[in-house]
Amino acid sequence: MGKINAVIKGIGAYLPEYVLTNDELSRMVDTSDEWIMSRIGIKERRILKDPNLGSSYMGTKAVEELFAKTGVNPDEIEAVFCATSTPDHLFPATAAKICNNVGIKNVTAGANPMDLKRGIDKAVAKVVEGIRAQAKEVGDDFSKIESVARIS
């Protein structure tokens, strides 16, 4: 078998419009911007507010942006990778829904997005196994807990 080449021709992204800031969050729960920033460094989060939309919607928007930026034709796409911890459903795979939404036919007709998901799941399991092997007990020592939160 010959050498296999892959090319990334561009990257697309989508961020939901609604921004939840630390200040807004502090009005919902007992916290503050300073407390959150000093421990985990997060200033804001993007929230998809429509309960009828999910990961496949955001992935679709990202791929549509990619197509607009690069001029890539959906028929040129041979693989779609979508890693999410919040899929719309367990089946069909989020990658399959994105492919269908943007007209990518070669992937859904050839490579099975569920097989890709299973492969990603196995890779994630190996990473988690490695992290667990290196994990250290922090107990009630707040300085150790704070250190872990900053690294995360």
C-alpha atoms as a PDB file:
ATOM      1  CA  MET A   1       0.000   0.000   0.000  1.00  0.00           C
ATOM      2  CA  GLY A   2       1.305   3.424  -0.914  1.00  0.00           C
ATOM      3  CA  LYS A   3       1.760   6.408   1.303  1.00  0.00           C
ATOM      4  CA  ILE A   4      -1.505   8.061   2.397  1.00  0.00           C
ATOM      5  CA  ASN A   5      -1.617  11.852   2.406  1.00  0.00           C
ATOM      6  CA  ALA A   6      -4.069  14.101   4.150  1.00  0.00           C
ATOM      7  CA  VAL A   7      -4.478  17.813   3.631  1.00  0.00           C
ATOM      8  CA  ILE A   8      -6.203  20.318   5.873  1.00  0.00           C
ATOM      9  CA  LYS A   9      -7.321  23.035   3.474  1.00  0.00           C
ATOM     10  CA  GLY A  10      -8.884  25.247   6.094  1.00  0.00           C
ATOM     11  CA  ILE A  11     -10.623  25.455   9.419  1.00  0.00           C
ATOM     12  CA  GLY A  12     -14.159  26.602  10.135  1.00  0.00           C
ATOM     13  CA  ALA A  13     -15.598  27.578  13.492  1.00  0.00           C
ATOM     14  CA  TYR A  14     -18.894  28.553  15.042  1.00  0.00           C
ATOM     15  CA  LEU A  15     -19.580  30.241  18.356  1.00  0.00           C
ATOM     16  CA  PRO A  16     -23.127  30.725  19.627  1.00  0.00           C
ATOM     17  CA  GLU A  17     -24.100  34.388  19.917  1.00  0.00           C
ATOM     18  CA  TYR A  18     -25.087  34.348  23.588  1.00  0.00           C
ATOM     19  CA  VAL A  19     -22.169  35.094  25.909  1.00  0.00           C
ATOM     20  CA  LEU A  20     -22.449  34.159  29.584  1.00  0.00           C
ATOM     21  CA  THR A  21     -19.900  36.277  31.466  1.00  0.00           C
ATOM     22  CA  ASN A  22     -18.554  35.655  34.941  1.00  0.00           C
ATOM     23  CA  ASP A  23     -20.358  38.776  36.145  1.00  0.00           C
ATOM     24  CA  GLU A  24     -23.673  37.418  34.873  1.00  0.00           C
ATOM     25  CA  LEU A  25     -22.893  34.016  36.374  1.00  0.00           C
ATOM     26  CA  SER A  26     -22.187  35.668  39.734  1.00  0.00           C
ATOM     27  CA  ARG A  27     -25.789  36.906  39.779  1.00  0.00           C
ATOM     28  CA  MET A  28     -26.986  33.292  39.469  1.00  0.00           C
ATOM     29  CA  VAL A  29     -24.662  31.567  41.945  1.00  0.00           C
ATOM     30  CA  ASP A  30     -22.398  32.612  44.802  1.00  0.00           C
ATOM     31  CA  THR A  31     -19.181  33.416  42.904  1.00  0.00           C
ATOM     32  CA  SER A  32     -17.334  36.336  41.343  1.00  0.00           C
ATOM     33  CA  ASP A  33     -15.296  37.120  38.249  1.00  0.00           C
ATOM     34  CA  GLU A  34     -12.161  37.365  40.400  1.00  0.00           C
ATOM     35  CA  TRP A  35     -12.797  33.973  42.031  1.00  0.00           C
ATOM     36  CA  ILE A  36     -13.343  32.213  38.678  1.00  0.00           C
ATOM     37  CA  MET A  37     -10.424  33.947  36.930  1.00  0.00           C
ATOM     38  CA  SER A  38      -7.994  33.222  39.778  1.00  0.00           C
ATOM     39  CA  ARG A  39      -8.859  29.517  39.795  1.00  0.00           C
ATOM     40  CA  ILE A  40      -9.649  28.466  36.234  1.00  0.00           C
ATOM     41  CA  GLY A  41      -9.057  31.512  34.035  1.00  0.00           C
ATOM     42  CA  ILE A  42     -12.405  31.442  32.218  1.00  0.00           C
ATOM     43  CA  LYS A  43     -13.828  34.895  31.408  1.00  0.00           C
ATOM     44  CA  GLU A  44     -16.894  33.891  29.403  1.00  0.00           C
ATOM     45  CA  ARG A  45     -18.745  30.949  27.901  1.00  0.00           C
ATOM     46  CA  ARG A  46     -20.758  30.704  24.697  1.00  0.00           C
ATOM     47  CA  ILE A  47     -24.205  29.175  25.134  1.00  0.00           C
ATOM     48  CA  LEU A  48     -26.494  27.802  22.424  1.00  0.00           C
ATOM     49  CA  LYS A  49     -29.825  28.916  23.875  1.00  0.00           C
ATOM     50  CA  ASP A  50     -32.268  27.243  21.463  1.00  0.00           C
ATOM     51  CA  PRO A  51     -33.198  23.880  23.063  1.00  0.00           C
ATOM     52  CA  ASN A  52     -34.000  22.476  19.612  1.00  0.00           C
ATOM     53  CA  LEU A  53     -30.411  22.929  18.408  1.00  0.00           C
ATOM     54  CA  GLY A  54     -27.281  21.071  19.441  1.00  0.00           C
ATOM     55  CA  SER A  55     -23.812  19.959  18.465  1.00  0.00           C
ATOM     56  CA  SER A  56     -24.738  19.039  14.894  1.00  0.00           C
ATOM     57  CA  TYR A  57     -26.107  22.575  14.344  1.00  0.00           C
ATOM     58  CA  MET A  58     -22.849  24.128  15.538  1.00  0.00           C
ATOM     59  CA  GLY A  59     -20.792  21.651  13.490  1.00  0.00           C
ATOM     60  CA  THR A  60     -22.907  22.394  10.428  1.00  0.00           C
ATOM     61  CA  LYS A  61     -22.347  26.135  10.858  1.00  0.00           C
ATOM     62  CA  ALA A  62     -18.580  25.566  11.201  1.00  0.00           C
ATOM     63  CA  VAL A  63     -18.453  23.447   8.026  1.00  0.00           C
ATOM     64  CA  GLU A  64     -20.544  26.005   6.120  1.00  0.00           C
ATOM     65  CA  GLU A  65     -18.035  28.688   7.168  1.00  0.00           C
ATOM     66  CA  LEU A  66     -15.197  26.421   6.050  1.00  0.00           C
ATOM     67  CA  PHE A  67     -16.769  25.957   2.634  1.00  0.00           C
ATOM     68  CA  ALA A  68     -17.347  29.722   2.274  1.00  0.00           C
ATOM     69  CA  LYS A  69     -13.743  30.552   3.268  1.00  0.00           C
ATOM     70  CA  THR A  70     -11.997  27.904   1.187  1.00  0.00           C
ATOM     71  CA  GLY A  71     -14.314  27.250  -1.750  1.00  0.00           C
ATOM     72  CA  VAL A  72     -13.996  23.510  -1.066  1.00  0.00           C
ATOM     73  CA  ASN A  73     -16.682  21.455  -2.763  1.00  0.00           C
ATOM     74  CA  PRO A  74     -18.529  18.986  -0.480  1.00  0.00           C
ATOM     75  CA  ASP A  75     -17.794  16.248  -3.045  1.00  0.00           C
ATOM     76  CA  GLU A  76     -14.047  16.665  -2.318  1.00  0.00           C
ATOM     77  CA  ILE A  77     -14.426  15.745   1.361  1.00  0.00           C
ATOM     78  CA  GLU A  78     -13.338  12.219   2.239  1.00  0.00           C
ATOM     79  CA  ALA A  79     -13.427  12.291   6.040  1.00  0.00           C
ATOM     80  CA  VAL A  80     -15.278  14.216   8.724  1.00  0.00           C
ATOM     81  CA  PHE A  81     -14.173  14.037  12.341  1.00  0.00           C
ATOM     82  CA  CYS A  82     -16.439  15.355  15.042  1.00  0.00           C
ATOM     83  CA  ALA A  83     -15.455  14.988  18.676  1.00  0.00           C
ATOM     84  CA  THR A  84     -18.095  16.057  21.179  1.00  0.00           C
ATOM     85  CA  SER A  85     -19.058  15.124  24.696  1.00  0.00           C
ATOM     86  CA  THR A  86     -22.547  16.507  24.037  1.00  0.00           C
ATOM     87  CA  PRO A  87     -23.951  14.768  20.947  1.00  0.00           C
ATOM     88  CA  ASP A  88     -27.505  15.508  19.815  1.00  0.00           C
ATOM     89  CA  HIS A  89     -28.254  11.766  20.061  1.00  0.00           C
ATOM     90  CA  LEU A  90     -26.227   8.578  20.469  1.00  0.00           C
ATOM     91  CA  PHE A  91     -27.396   7.538  17.007  1.00  0.00           C
ATOM     92  CA  PRO A  92     -27.007   8.751  14.341  1.00  0.00           C
ATOM     93  CA  ALA A  93     -23.528  10.077  14.959  1.00  0.00           C
ATOM     94  CA  THR A  94     -23.126  13.852  15.046  1.00  0.00           C
ATOM     95  CA  ALA A  95     -20.622  13.601  12.165  1.00  0.00           C
ATOM     96  CA  ALA A  96     -23.244  11.832  10.044  1.00  0.00           C
ATOM     97  CA  LYS A  97     -25.802  14.567  10.756  1.00  0.00           C
ATOM     98  CA  ILE A  98     -23.295  17.277   9.823  1.00  0.00           C
ATOM     99  CA  CYS A  99     -22.437  15.452   6.583  1.00  0.00           C
ATOM    100  CA  ASN A 100     -26.114  15.207   5.700  1.00  0.00           C
ATOM    101  CA  ASN A 101     -26.769  18.874   6.563  1.00  0.00           C
ATOM    102  CA  VAL A 102     -23.998  20.234   4.335  1.00  0.00           C
ATOM    103  CA  GLY A 103     -24.257  17.760   1.450  1.00  0.00           C
ATOM    104  CA  ILE A 104     -21.104  15.715   2.073  1.00  0.00           C
ATOM    105  CA  LYS A 105     -21.945  12.428   0.362  1.00  0.00           C
ATOM    106  CA  ASN A 106     -18.597  10.636  -0.026  1.00  0.00           C
ATOM    107  CA  VAL A 107     -18.151  10.167   3.711  1.00  0.00           C
ATOM    108  CA  THR A 108     -21.651   8.962   4.482  1.00  0.00           C
ATOM    109  CA  ALA A 109     -21.558   6.626   1.484  1.00  0.00           C
ATOM    110  CA  GLY A 110     -18.051   5.309   2.231  1.00  0.00           C
ATOM    111  CA  ALA A 111     -16.531   5.687   5.677  1.00  0.00           C
ATOM    112  CA  ASN A 112     -19.066   5.013   8.386  1.00  0.00           C
ATOM    113  CA  PRO A 113     -19.252   7.974  10.815  1.00  0.00           C
ATOM    114  CA  MET A 114     -20.240   5.536  13.582  1.00  0.00           C
ATOM    115  CA  ASP A 115     -16.976   3.658  13.015  1.00  0.00           C
ATOM    116  CA  LEU A 116     -15.126   6.966  13.284  1.00  0.00           C
ATOM    117  CA  LYS A 117     -16.972   7.670  16.547  1.00  0.00           C
ATOM    118  CA  ARG A 118     -16.045   4.253  17.921  1.00  0.00           C
ATOM    119  CA  GLY A 119     -12.409   4.893  16.996  1.00  0.00           C
ATOM    120  CA  ILE A 120     -12.459   8.289  18.699  1.00  0.00           C
ATOM    121  CA  ASP A 121     -14.144   6.735  21.751  1.00  0.00           C
ATOM    122  CA  LYS A 122     -11.348   4.135  21.959  1.00  0.00           C
ATOM    123  CA  ALA A 123      -8.667   6.832  21.635  1.00  0.00           C
ATOM    124  CA  VAL A 124     -10.311   8.932  24.355  1.00  0.00           C
ATOM    125  CA  ALA A 125     -10.534   5.855  26.605  1.00  0.00           C
ATOM    126  CA  LYS A 126      -6.774   5.302  26.196  1.00  0.00           C
ATOM    127  CA  VAL A 127      -6.047   8.943  27.055  1.00  0.00           C
ATOM    128  CA  VAL A 128      -8.289   8.732  30.138  1.00  0.00           C
ATOM    129  CA  GLU A 129      -6.547   5.489  31.145  1.00  0.00           C
ATOM    130  CA  GLY A 130      -3.191   7.289  30.915  1.00  0.00           C
ATOM    131  CA  ILE A 131      -4.464  10.220  32.965  1.00  0.00           C
ATOM    132  CA  ARG A 132      -5.830   7.882  35.632  1.00  0.00           C
ATOM    133  CA  ALA A 133      -2.476   6.110  35.831  1.00  0.00           C
ATOM    134  CA  GLN A 134      -0.789   9.459  36.563  1.00  0.00           C
ATOM    135  CA  ALA A 135      -3.486  10.805  38.891  1.00  0.00           C
ATOM    136  CA  LYS A 136      -2.549  11.758  42.434  1.00  0.00           C
ATOM    137  CA  GLU A 137      -4.815  12.014  45.465  1.00  0.00           C
ATOM    138  CA  VAL A 138      -5.353  15.629  46.571  1.00  0.00           C
ATOM    139  CA  GLY A 139      -7.609  14.966  49.547  1.00  0.00           C
ATOM    140  CA  ASP A 140      -8.696  18.090  51.399  1.00  0.00           C
ATOM    141  CA  ASP A 141      -5.526  20.070  50.636  1.00  0.00           C
ATOM    142  CA  PHE A 142      -7.000  23.185  48.991  1.00  0.00           C
ATOM    143  CA  SER A 143      -3.635  24.261  47.535  1.00  0.00           C
ATOM    144  CA  LYS A 144      -3.390  20.962  45.638  1.00  0.00           C
ATOM    145  CA  ILE A 145      -6.991  21.259  44.424  1.00  0.00           C
ATOM    146  CA  GLU A 146      -6.393  24.840  43.273  1.00  0.00           C
ATOM    147  CA  SER A 147      -3.231  23.761  41.448  1.00  0.00           C
ATOM    148  CA  VAL A 148      -5.135  21.035  39.578  1.00  0.00           C
ATOM    149  CA  ALA A 149      -7.909  23.472  38.616  1.00  0.00           C
ATOM    150  CA  ARG A 150      -5.374  25.917  37.147  1.00  0.00           C
ATOM    151  CA  ILE A 151      -3.776  23.187  35.050  1.00  0.00           C
ATOM    152  CA  SER A 152      -7.149  22.014  33.735  1.00  0.00           C
END
